[in-house]
Amino acid sequence: MDIVSLIIQLVAGAVGGNAVGSVLKDKSLGSTGNSIAGAIGGVILAQIIQRLTGVAVAPDAAAAATSGLNIGTIIKELIASGAGGAILTAIVGFVKNR
C-alpha cells in the first residue's frame, strides 16, 4: 500500500462516515467520532476489496513507480472506502445507542 492510496482511503472513509452520521442523526457519533470510525472502516474495506480483486501491493519502489494509480483504481478505492466508512460508522452508532 502506498501513501496516496492510504490518504484516499482515510479521506473517503471519513466522508462516508460523516454522510451516514448526517443521515442517521440519532446514531451519529458526532463529527469527530464519525470521521474516526469512517476512516478506520474505509481503510479496512478498501484493503479487503484490494485483496479480493487481486490488486497487489507493489513489492518494491521500482514496481511502485511503474504501476502507478490509474483512474479505475482510484474510483474503486473511493467507493470501497466510502462504503466501508459508512458501514462501520452505522454499526458503531447502533451499538453505542443500544
PDB file of N, CA and C in Angstrom:
ATOM      1  N   MET A   1       0.847  -1.173   0.000  1.00  0.00           N
ATOM      2  CA  MET A   1       0.000   0.000   0.000  1.00  0.00           C
ATOM      3  C   MET A   1       0.891   1.234   0.000  1.00  0.00           C
ATOM      4  N   ASP A   2       0.607   2.153  -0.883  1.00  0.00           N
ATOM      5  CA  ASP A   2       1.380   3.386  -0.907  1.00  0.00           C
ATOM      6  C   ASP A   2       0.625   4.486  -0.152  1.00  0.00           C
ATOM      7  N   ILE A   3       1.287   5.570   0.087  1.00  0.00           N
ATOM      8  CA  ILE A   3       0.732   6.642   0.911  1.00  0.00           C
ATOM      9  C   ILE A   3      -0.463   7.318   0.239  1.00  0.00           C
ATOM     10  N   VAL A   4      -0.457   7.408  -1.081  1.00  0.00           N
ATOM     11  CA  VAL A   4      -1.573   8.041  -1.788  1.00  0.00           C
ATOM     12  C   VAL A   4      -2.843   7.211  -1.614  1.00  0.00           C
ATOM     13  N   SER A   5      -2.723   5.901  -1.726  1.00  0.00           N
ATOM     14  CA  SER A   5      -3.884   5.031  -1.523  1.00  0.00           C
ATOM     15  C   SER A   5      -4.413   5.152  -0.106  1.00  0.00           C
ATOM     16  N   LEU A   6      -3.513   5.181   0.854  1.00  0.00           N
ATOM     17  CA  LEU A   6      -3.925   5.305   2.248  1.00  0.00           C
ATOM     18  C   LEU A   6      -4.655   6.618   2.506  1.00  0.00           C
ATOM     19  N   ILE A   7      -4.160   7.699   1.941  1.00  0.00           N
ATOM     20  CA  ILE A   7      -4.815   9.004   2.110  1.00  0.00           C
ATOM     21  C   ILE A   7      -6.200   8.995   1.471  1.00  0.00           C
ATOM     22  N   ILE A   8      -6.312   8.415   0.284  1.00  0.00           N
ATOM     23  CA  ILE A   8      -7.611   8.310  -0.391  1.00  0.00           C
ATOM     24  C   ILE A   8      -8.573   7.513   0.472  1.00  0.00           C
ATOM     25  N   GLN A   9      -8.108   6.404   1.022  1.00  0.00           N
ATOM     26  CA  GLN A   9      -8.963   5.553   1.847  1.00  0.00           C
ATOM     27  C   GLN A   9      -9.406   6.263   3.121  1.00  0.00           C
ATOM     28  N   LEU A  10      -8.489   6.957   3.772  1.00  0.00           N
ATOM     29  CA  LEU A  10      -8.826   7.670   5.006  1.00  0.00           C
ATOM     30  C   LEU A  10      -9.846   8.779   4.759  1.00  0.00           C
ATOM     31  N   VAL A  11      -9.598   9.570   3.731  1.00  0.00           N
ATOM     32  CA  VAL A  11     -10.492  10.711   3.446  1.00  0.00           C
ATOM     33  C   VAL A  11     -11.864  10.219   2.977  1.00  0.00           C
ATOM     34  N   ALA A  12     -11.896   9.271   2.065  1.00  0.00           N
ATOM     35  CA  ALA A  12     -13.183   8.767   1.574  1.00  0.00           C
ATOM     36  C   ALA A  12     -13.953   8.073   2.692  1.00  0.00           C
ATOM     37  N   GLY A  13     -13.258   7.352   3.554  1.00  0.00           N
ATOM     38  CA  GLY A  13     -13.922   6.721   4.696  1.00  0.00           C
ATOM     39  C   GLY A  13     -14.506   7.742   5.642  1.00  0.00           C
ATOM     40  N   ALA A  14     -13.753   8.803   5.924  1.00  0.00           N
ATOM     41  CA  ALA A  14     -14.250   9.863   6.801  1.00  0.00           C
ATOM     42  C   ALA A  14     -15.473  10.546   6.193  1.00  0.00           C
ATOM     43  N   VAL A  15     -15.459  10.767   4.907  1.00  0.00           N
ATOM     44  CA  VAL A  15     -16.612  11.368   4.226  1.00  0.00           C
ATOM     45  C   VAL A  15     -17.820  10.433   4.317  1.00  0.00           C
ATOM     46  N   GLY A  16     -17.598   9.143   4.084  1.00  0.00           N
ATOM     47  CA  GLY A  16     -18.689   8.175   4.202  1.00  0.00           C
ATOM     48  C   GLY A  16     -19.241   8.108   5.611  1.00  0.00           C
ATOM     49  N   GLY A  17     -18.357   8.165   6.598  1.00  0.00           N
ATOM     50  CA  GLY A  17     -18.797   8.150   7.986  1.00  0.00           C
ATOM     51  C   GLY A  17     -19.621   9.368   8.344  1.00  0.00           C
ATOM     52  N   ASN A  18     -19.199  10.531   7.898  1.00  0.00           N
ATOM     53  CA  ASN A  18     -19.953  11.748   8.173  1.00  0.00           C
ATOM     54  C   ASN A  18     -21.273  11.786   7.401  1.00  0.00           C
ATOM     55  N   ALA A  19     -21.277  11.204   6.215  1.00  0.00           N
ATOM     56  CA  ALA A  19     -22.522  11.157   5.438  1.00  0.00           C
ATOM     57  C   ALA A  19     -23.568  10.308   6.151  1.00  0.00           C
ATOM     58  N   VAL A  20     -23.166   9.145   6.628  1.00  0.00           N
ATOM     59  CA  VAL A  20     -24.132   8.294   7.329  1.00  0.00           C
ATOM     60  C   VAL A  20     -24.509   8.910   8.675  1.00  0.00           C
ATOM     61  N   GLY A  21     -23.592   9.631   9.295  1.00  0.00           N
ATOM     62  CA  GLY A  21     -23.913  10.317  10.539  1.00  0.00           C
ATOM     63  C   GLY A  21     -24.943  11.407  10.347  1.00  0.00           C
ATOM     64  N   SER A  22     -24.909  12.070   9.198  1.00  0.00           N
ATOM     65  CA  SER A  22     -25.895  13.120   8.937  1.00  0.00           C
ATOM     66  C   SER A  22     -27.247  12.539   8.536  1.00  0.00           C
ATOM     67  N   VAL A  23     -27.243  11.361   7.948  1.00  0.00           N
ATOM     68  CA  VAL A  23     -28.499  10.713   7.571  1.00  0.00           C
ATOM     69  C   VAL A  23     -29.160  10.072   8.791  1.00  0.00           C
ATOM     70  N   LEU A  24     -28.375   9.376   9.590  1.00  0.00           N
ATOM     71  CA  LEU A  24     -28.883   8.714  10.801  1.00  0.00           C
ATOM     72  C   LEU A  24     -28.537   9.573  12.013  1.00  0.00           C
ATOM     73  N   LYS A  25     -29.221  10.667  12.156  1.00  0.00           N
ATOM     74  CA  LYS A  25     -28.881  11.649  13.203  1.00  0.00           C
ATOM     75  C   LYS A  25     -28.910  11.047  14.606  1.00  0.00           C
ATOM     76  N   ASP A  26     -29.842  10.141  14.873  1.00  0.00           N
ATOM     77  CA  ASP A  26     -29.913   9.560  16.204  1.00  0.00           C
ATOM     78  C   ASP A  26     -28.796   8.549  16.465  1.00  0.00           C
ATOM     79  N   LYS A  27     -28.108   8.087  15.434  1.00  0.00           N
ATOM     80  CA  LYS A  27     -26.997   7.153  15.578  1.00  0.00           C
ATOM     81  C   LYS A  27     -25.638   7.826  15.381  1.00  0.00           C
ATOM     82  N   SER A  28     -25.632   9.133  15.183  1.00  0.00           N
ATOM     83  CA  SER A  28     -24.400   9.871  14.912  1.00  0.00           C
ATOM     84  C   SER A  28     -23.473   9.838  16.123  1.00  0.00           C
ATOM     85  N   LEU A  29     -22.190   9.775  15.847  1.00  0.00           N
ATOM     86  CA  LEU A  29     -21.162   9.769  16.885  1.00  0.00           C
ATOM     87  C   LEU A  29     -20.553  11.145  17.072  1.00  0.00           C
ATOM     88  N   GLY A  30     -21.119  12.139  16.445  1.00  0.00           N
ATOM     89  CA  GLY A  30     -20.520  13.466  16.420  1.00  0.00           C
ATOM     90  C   GLY A  30     -19.555  13.544  15.251  1.00  0.00           C
ATOM     91  N   SER A  31     -19.167  14.731  14.916  1.00  0.00           N
ATOM     92  CA  SER A  31     -18.310  14.926  13.748  1.00  0.00           C
ATOM     93  C   SER A  31     -16.984  14.182  13.860  1.00  0.00           C
ATOM     94  N   THR A  32     -16.347  14.298  14.996  1.00  0.00           N
ATOM     95  CA  THR A  32     -15.052  13.627  15.187  1.00  0.00           C
ATOM     96  C   THR A  32     -15.209  12.121  15.209  1.00  0.00           C
ATOM     97  N   GLY A  33     -16.202  11.629  15.936  1.00  0.00           N
ATOM     98  CA  GLY A  33     -16.435  10.180  16.010  1.00  0.00           C
ATOM     99  C   GLY A  33     -16.783   9.583  14.668  1.00  0.00           C
ATOM    100  N   ASN A  34     -17.632  10.280  13.911  1.00  0.00           N
ATOM    101  CA  ASN A  34     -17.984   9.812  12.571  1.00  0.00           C
ATOM    102  C   ASN A  34     -16.749   9.769  11.671  1.00  0.00           C
ATOM    103  N   SER A  35     -15.898  10.775  11.781  1.00  0.00           N
ATOM    104  CA  SER A  35     -14.691  10.819  10.949  1.00  0.00           C
ATOM    105  C   SER A  35     -13.729   9.694  11.303  1.00  0.00           C
ATOM    106  N   ILE A  36     -13.527   9.456  12.598  1.00  0.00           N
ATOM    107  CA  ILE A  36     -12.589   8.412  13.018  1.00  0.00           C
ATOM    108  C   ILE A  36     -13.110   7.031  12.638  1.00  0.00           C
ATOM    109  N   ALA A  37     -14.372   6.744  12.974  1.00  0.00           N
ATOM    110  CA  ALA A  37     -14.947   5.440  12.623  1.00  0.00           C
ATOM    111  C   ALA A  37     -14.979   5.261  11.112  1.00  0.00           C
ATOM    112  N   GLY A  38     -15.317   6.320  10.396  1.00  0.00           N
ATOM    113  CA  GLY A  38     -15.355   6.240   8.939  1.00  0.00           C
ATOM    114  C   GLY A  38     -13.995   5.990   8.327  1.00  0.00           C
ATOM    115  N   ALA A  39     -12.971   6.671   8.834  1.00  0.00           N
ATOM    116  CA  ALA A  39     -11.618   6.477   8.308  1.00  0.00           C
ATOM    117  C   ALA A  39     -11.140   5.052   8.542  1.00  0.00           C
ATOM    118  N   ILE A  40     -11.389   4.523   9.730  1.00  0.00           N
ATOM    119  CA  ILE A  40     -10.982   3.142  10.030  1.00  0.00           C
ATOM    120  C   ILE A  40     -11.734   2.166   9.139  1.00  0.00           C
ATOM    121  N   GLY A  41     -13.048   2.342   9.031  1.00  0.00           N
ATOM    122  CA  GLY A  41     -13.849   1.470   8.173  1.00  0.00           C
ATOM    123  C   GLY A  41     -13.459   1.581   6.712  1.00  0.00           C
ATOM    124  N   GLY A  42     -13.105   2.775   6.284  1.00  0.00           N
ATOM    125  CA  GLY A  42     -12.691   2.977   4.897  1.00  0.00           C
ATOM    126  C   GLY A  42     -11.422   2.226   4.560  1.00  0.00           C
ATOM    127  N   VAL A  43     -10.447   2.283   5.433  1.00  0.00           N
ATOM    128  CA  VAL A  43      -9.188   1.571   5.195  1.00  0.00           C
ATOM    129  C   VAL A  43      -9.422   0.063   5.220  1.00  0.00           C
ATOM    130  N   ILE A  44     -10.216  -0.412   6.183  1.00  0.00           N
ATOM    131  CA  ILE A  44     -10.443  -1.853   6.303  1.00  0.00           C
ATOM    132  C   ILE A  44     -11.133  -2.408   5.066  1.00  0.00           C
ATOM    133  N   LEU A  45     -12.245  -1.797   4.653  1.00  0.00           N
ATOM    134  CA  LEU A  45     -12.970  -2.337   3.499  1.00  0.00           C
ATOM    135  C   LEU A  45     -12.172  -2.177   2.207  1.00  0.00           C
ATOM    136  N   ALA A  46     -11.461  -1.091   2.049  1.00  0.00           N
ATOM    137  CA  ALA A  46     -10.651  -0.917   0.841  1.00  0.00           C
ATOM    138  C   ALA A  46      -9.564  -1.990   0.759  1.00  0.00           C
ATOM    139  N   GLN A  47      -8.959  -2.327   1.887  1.00  0.00           N
ATOM    140  CA  GLN A  47      -7.942  -3.371   1.890  1.00  0.00           C
ATOM    141  C   GLN A  47      -8.550  -4.736   1.553  1.00  0.00           C
ATOM    142  N   ILE A  48      -9.733  -5.007   2.083  1.00  0.00           N
ATOM    143  CA  ILE A  48     -10.408  -6.272   1.762  1.00  0.00           C
ATOM    144  C   ILE A  48     -10.720  -6.348   0.273  1.00  0.00           C
ATOM    145  N   ILE A  49     -11.253  -5.264  -0.274  1.00  0.00           N
ATOM    146  CA  ILE A  49     -11.587  -5.237  -1.704  1.00  0.00           C
ATOM    147  C   ILE A  49     -10.333  -5.400  -2.554  1.00  0.00           C
ATOM    148  N   GLN A  50      -9.235  -4.749  -2.154  1.00  0.00           N
ATOM    149  CA  GLN A  50      -7.982  -4.890  -2.899  1.00  0.00           C
ATOM    150  C   GLN A  50      -7.521  -6.341  -2.911  1.00  0.00           C
ATOM    151  N   ARG A  51      -7.626  -7.017  -1.794  1.00  0.00           N
ATOM    152  CA  ARG A  51      -7.198  -8.413  -1.725  1.00  0.00           C
ATOM    153  C   ARG A  51      -8.099  -9.310  -2.566  1.00  0.00           C
ATOM    154  N   LEU A  52      -9.409  -9.052  -2.532  1.00  0.00           N
ATOM    155  CA  LEU A  52     -10.351  -9.887  -3.271  1.00  0.00           C
ATOM    156  C   LEU A  52     -10.275  -9.679  -4.778  1.00  0.00           C
ATOM    157  N   THR A  53      -9.966  -8.462  -5.204  1.00  0.00           N
ATOM    158  CA  THR A  53      -9.922  -8.193  -6.646  1.00  0.00           C
ATOM    159  C   THR A  53      -8.543  -8.418  -7.240  1.00  0.00           C
ATOM    160  N   GLY A  54      -7.577  -8.734  -6.406  1.00  0.00           N
ATOM    161  CA  GLY A  54      -6.260  -9.071  -6.909  1.00  0.00           C
ATOM    162  C   GLY A  54      -5.352  -7.903  -7.200  1.00  0.00           C
ATOM    163  N   VAL A  55      -5.679  -6.719  -6.722  1.00  0.00           N
ATOM    164  CA  VAL A  55      -4.781  -5.583  -6.898  1.00  0.00           C
ATOM    165  C   VAL A  55      -3.683  -5.743  -5.863  1.00  0.00           C
ATOM    166  N   ALA A  56      -2.513  -6.111  -6.320  1.00  0.00           N
ATOM    167  CA  ALA A  56      -1.416  -6.395  -5.407  1.00  0.00           C
ATOM    168  C   ALA A  56      -0.675  -5.116  -5.038  1.00  0.00           C
ATOM    169  N   VAL A  57      -0.155  -5.114  -3.849  1.00  0.00           N
ATOM    170  CA  VAL A  57       0.692  -4.017  -3.402  1.00  0.00           C
ATOM    171  C   VAL A  57       2.062  -4.222  -4.029  1.00  0.00           C
ATOM    172  N   ALA A  58       2.636  -3.158  -4.557  1.00  0.00           N
ATOM    173  CA  ALA A  58       3.939  -3.255  -5.215  1.00  0.00           C
ATOM    174  C   ALA A  58       5.008  -3.680  -4.214  1.00  0.00           C
ATOM    175  N   PRO A  59       5.815  -4.698  -4.519  1.00  0.00           N
ATOM    176  CA  PRO A  59       6.788  -5.204  -3.558  1.00  0.00           C
ATOM    177  C   PRO A  59       8.015  -4.315  -3.369  1.00  0.00           C
ATOM    178  N   ASP A  60       8.312  -3.462  -4.327  1.00  0.00           N
ATOM    179  CA  ASP A  60       9.480  -2.591  -4.168  1.00  0.00           C
ATOM    180  C   ASP A  60       9.239  -1.251  -4.846  1.00  0.00           C
ATOM    181  N   ALA A  61      10.161  -0.354  -4.682  1.00  0.00           N
ATOM    182  CA  ALA A  61       9.994   1.002  -5.203  1.00  0.00           C
ATOM    183  C   ALA A  61       9.936   1.029  -6.727  1.00  0.00           C
ATOM    184  N   ALA A  62      10.707   0.180  -7.392  1.00  0.00           N
ATOM    185  CA  ALA A  62      10.705   0.169  -8.858  1.00  0.00           C
ATOM    186  C   ALA A  62       9.341  -0.269  -9.389  1.00  0.00           C
ATOM    187  N   ALA A  63       8.769  -1.280  -8.767  1.00  0.00           N
ATOM    188  CA  ALA A  63       7.452  -1.740  -9.205  1.00  0.00           C
ATOM    189  C   ALA A  63       6.394  -0.687  -8.897  1.00  0.00           C
ATOM    190  N   ALA A  64       6.539   0.005  -7.781  1.00  0.00           N
ATOM    191  CA  ALA A  64       5.581   1.048  -7.427  1.00  0.00           C
ATOM    192  C   ALA A  64       5.640   2.198  -8.420  1.00  0.00           C
ATOM    193  N   ALA A  65       6.833   2.543  -8.871  1.00  0.00           N
ATOM    194  CA  ALA A  65       6.988   3.649  -9.811  1.00  0.00           C
ATOM    195  C   ALA A  65       6.365   3.313 -11.164  1.00  0.00           C
ATOM    196  N   THR A  66       6.435   2.052 -11.577  1.00  0.00           N
ATOM    197  CA  THR A  66       5.887   1.678 -12.870  1.00  0.00           C
ATOM    198  C   THR A  66       4.401   1.365 -12.807  1.00  0.00           C
ATOM    199  N   SER A  67       3.893   0.957 -11.631  1.00  0.00           N
ATOM    200  CA  SER A  67       2.487   0.576 -11.560  1.00  0.00           C
ATOM    201  C   SER A  67       1.584   1.806 -11.528  1.00  0.00           C
ATOM    202  N   GLY A  68       1.838   2.751 -10.647  1.00  0.00           N
ATOM    203  CA  GLY A  68       1.057   3.980 -10.568  1.00  0.00           C
ATOM    204  C   GLY A  68      -0.400   3.740 -10.230  1.00  0.00           C
ATOM    205  N   LEU A  69      -1.104   4.796  -9.984  1.00  0.00           N
ATOM    206  CA  LEU A  69      -2.536   4.720  -9.735  1.00  0.00           C
ATOM    207  C   LEU A  69      -3.261   5.110 -11.010  1.00  0.00           C
ATOM    208  N   ASN A  70      -4.149   4.269 -11.454  1.00  0.00           N
ATOM    209  CA  ASN A  70      -4.968   4.639 -12.596  1.00  0.00           C
ATOM    210  C   ASN A  70      -6.338   5.067 -12.100  1.00  0.00           C
ATOM    211  N   ILE A  71      -7.138   5.622 -12.948  1.00  0.00           N
ATOM    212  CA  ILE A  71      -8.430   6.169 -12.545  1.00  0.00           C
ATOM    213  C   ILE A  71      -9.359   5.078 -12.038  1.00  0.00           C
ATOM    214  N   GLY A  72      -9.264   3.895 -12.591  1.00  0.00           N
ATOM    215  CA  GLY A  72     -10.100   2.787 -12.133  1.00  0.00           C
ATOM    216  C   GLY A  72      -9.790   2.395 -10.700  1.00  0.00           C
ATOM    217  N   THR A  73      -8.512   2.361 -10.361  1.00  0.00           N
ATOM    218  CA  THR A  73      -8.100   2.036  -9.004  1.00  0.00           C
ATOM    219  C   THR A  73      -8.555   3.110  -8.031  1.00  0.00           C
ATOM    220  N   ILE A  74      -8.430   4.353  -8.418  1.00  0.00           N
ATOM    221  CA  ILE A  74      -8.841   5.457  -7.546  1.00  0.00           C
ATOM    222  C   ILE A  74     -10.349   5.414  -7.311  1.00  0.00           C
ATOM    223  N   ILE A  75     -11.126   5.193  -8.350  1.00  0.00           N
ATOM    224  CA  ILE A  75     -12.580   5.123  -8.208  1.00  0.00           C
ATOM    225  C   ILE A  75     -12.975   3.946  -7.324  1.00  0.00           C
ATOM    226  N   LYS A  76     -12.329   2.806  -7.529  1.00  0.00           N
ATOM    227  CA  LYS A  76     -12.617   1.632  -6.706  1.00  0.00           C
ATOM    228  C   LYS A  76     -12.312   1.900  -5.240  1.00  0.00           C
ATOM    229  N   GLU A  77     -11.196   2.560  -4.965  1.00  0.00           N
ATOM    230  CA  GLU A  77     -10.835   2.885  -3.584  1.00  0.00           C
ATOM    231  C   GLU A  77     -11.811   3.885  -2.978  1.00  0.00           C
ATOM    232  N   LEU A  78     -12.244   4.872  -3.762  1.00  0.00           N
ATOM    233  CA  LEU A  78     -13.208   5.858  -3.261  1.00  0.00           C
ATOM    234  C   LEU A  78     -14.533   5.195  -2.881  1.00  0.00           C
ATOM    235  N   ILE A  79     -15.018   4.328  -3.747  1.00  0.00           N
ATOM    236  CA  ILE A  79     -16.289   3.661  -3.481  1.00  0.00           C
ATOM    237  C   ILE A  79     -16.171   2.719  -2.293  1.00  0.00           C
ATOM    238  N   ALA A  80     -15.132   1.887  -2.293  1.00  0.00           N
ATOM    239  CA  ALA A  80     -14.954   0.920  -1.200  1.00  0.00           C
ATOM    240  C   ALA A  80     -14.729   1.631   0.127  1.00  0.00           C
ATOM    241  N   SER A  81     -13.918   2.664   0.123  1.00  0.00           N
ATOM    242  CA  SER A  81     -13.626   3.382   1.364  1.00  0.00           C
ATOM    243  C   SER A  81     -14.838   4.137   1.876  1.00  0.00           C
ATOM    244  N   GLY A  82     -15.553   4.781   0.987  1.00  0.00           N
ATOM    245  CA  GLY A  82     -16.763   5.491   1.400  1.00  0.00           C
ATOM    246  C   GLY A  82     -17.796   4.540   1.977  1.00  0.00           C
ATOM    247  N   ALA A  83     -17.979   3.399   1.313  1.00  0.00           N
ATOM    248  CA  ALA A  83     -18.924   2.398   1.813  1.00  0.00           C
ATOM    249  C   ALA A  83     -18.455   1.818   3.136  1.00  0.00           C
ATOM    250  N   GLY A  84     -17.170   1.515   3.240  1.00  0.00           N
ATOM    251  CA  GLY A  84     -16.633   0.973   4.484  1.00  0.00           C
ATOM    252  C   GLY A  84     -16.774   1.938   5.637  1.00  0.00           C
ATOM    253  N   GLY A  85     -16.513   3.206   5.378  1.00  0.00           N
ATOM    254  CA  GLY A  85     -16.680   4.222   6.408  1.00  0.00           C
ATOM    255  C   GLY A  85     -18.123   4.350   6.852  1.00  0.00           C
ATOM    256  N   ALA A  86     -19.034   4.319   5.904  1.00  0.00           N
ATOM    257  CA  ALA A  86     -20.455   4.421   6.231  1.00  0.00           C
ATOM    258  C   ALA A  86     -20.915   3.200   7.024  1.00  0.00           C
ATOM    259  N   ILE A  87     -20.497   2.030   6.606  1.00  0.00           N
ATOM    260  CA  ILE A  87     -20.924   0.800   7.275  1.00  0.00           C
ATOM    261  C   ILE A  87     -20.411   0.745   8.712  1.00  0.00           C
ATOM    262  N   LEU A  88     -19.115   0.996   8.904  1.00  0.00           N
ATOM    263  CA  LEU A  88     -18.568   0.917  10.262  1.00  0.00           C
ATOM    264  C   LEU A  88     -19.152   2.002  11.161  1.00  0.00           C
ATOM    265  N   THR A  89     -19.355   3.193  10.647  1.00  0.00           N
ATOM    266  CA  THR A  89     -19.953   4.262  11.447  1.00  0.00           C
ATOM    267  C   THR A  89     -21.373   3.893  11.855  1.00  0.00           C
ATOM    268  N   ALA A  90     -22.146   3.341  10.939  1.00  0.00           N
ATOM    269  CA  ALA A  90     -23.513   2.922  11.264  1.00  0.00           C
ATOM    270  C   ALA A  90     -23.510   1.821  12.319  1.00  0.00           C
ATOM    271  N   ILE A  91     -22.617   0.847  12.171  1.00  0.00           N
ATOM    272  CA  ILE A  91     -22.538  -0.246  13.148  1.00  0.00           C
ATOM    273  C   ILE A  91     -22.173   0.286  14.526  1.00  0.00           C
ATOM    274  N   VAL A  92     -21.147   1.134  14.592  1.00  0.00           N
ATOM    275  CA  VAL A  92     -20.728   1.698  15.881  1.00  0.00           C
ATOM    276  C   VAL A  92     -21.846   2.558  16.466  1.00  0.00           C
ATOM    277  N   GLY A  93     -22.542   3.314  15.650  1.00  0.00           N
ATOM    278  CA  GLY A  93     -23.656   4.135  16.117  1.00  0.00           C
ATOM    279  C   GLY A  93     -24.784   3.301  16.695  1.00  0.00           C
ATOM    280  N   PHE A  94     -25.116   2.211  16.020  1.00  0.00           N
ATOM    281  CA  PHE A  94     -26.174   1.329  16.522  1.00  0.00           C
ATOM    282  C   PHE A  94     -25.761   0.666  17.832  1.00  0.00           C
ATOM    283  N   VAL A  95     -24.505   0.200  17.917  1.00  0.00           N
ATOM    284  CA  VAL A  95     -24.030  -0.444  19.142  1.00  0.00           C
ATOM    285  C   VAL A  95     -23.976   0.548  20.291  1.00  0.00           C
ATOM    286  N   LYS A  96     -23.488   1.756  20.022  1.00  0.00           N
ATOM    287  CA  LYS A  96     -23.378   2.788  21.063  1.00  0.00           C
ATOM    288  C   LYS A  96     -24.739   3.156  21.635  1.00  0.00           C
ATOM    289  N   ASN A  97     -25.744   3.245  20.801  1.00  0.00           N
ATOM    290  CA  ASN A  97     -27.067   3.660  21.239  1.00  0.00           C
ATOM    291  C   ASN A  97     -27.928   2.521  21.748  1.00  0.00           C
ATOM    292  N   ARG A  98     -27.390   1.360  21.809  1.00  0.00           N
ATOM    293  CA  ARG A  98     -28.150   0.201  22.259  1.00  0.00           C
ATOM    294  C   ARG A  98     -28.204   0.136  23.732  1.00  0.00           C
TER     295      ARG A  98
END
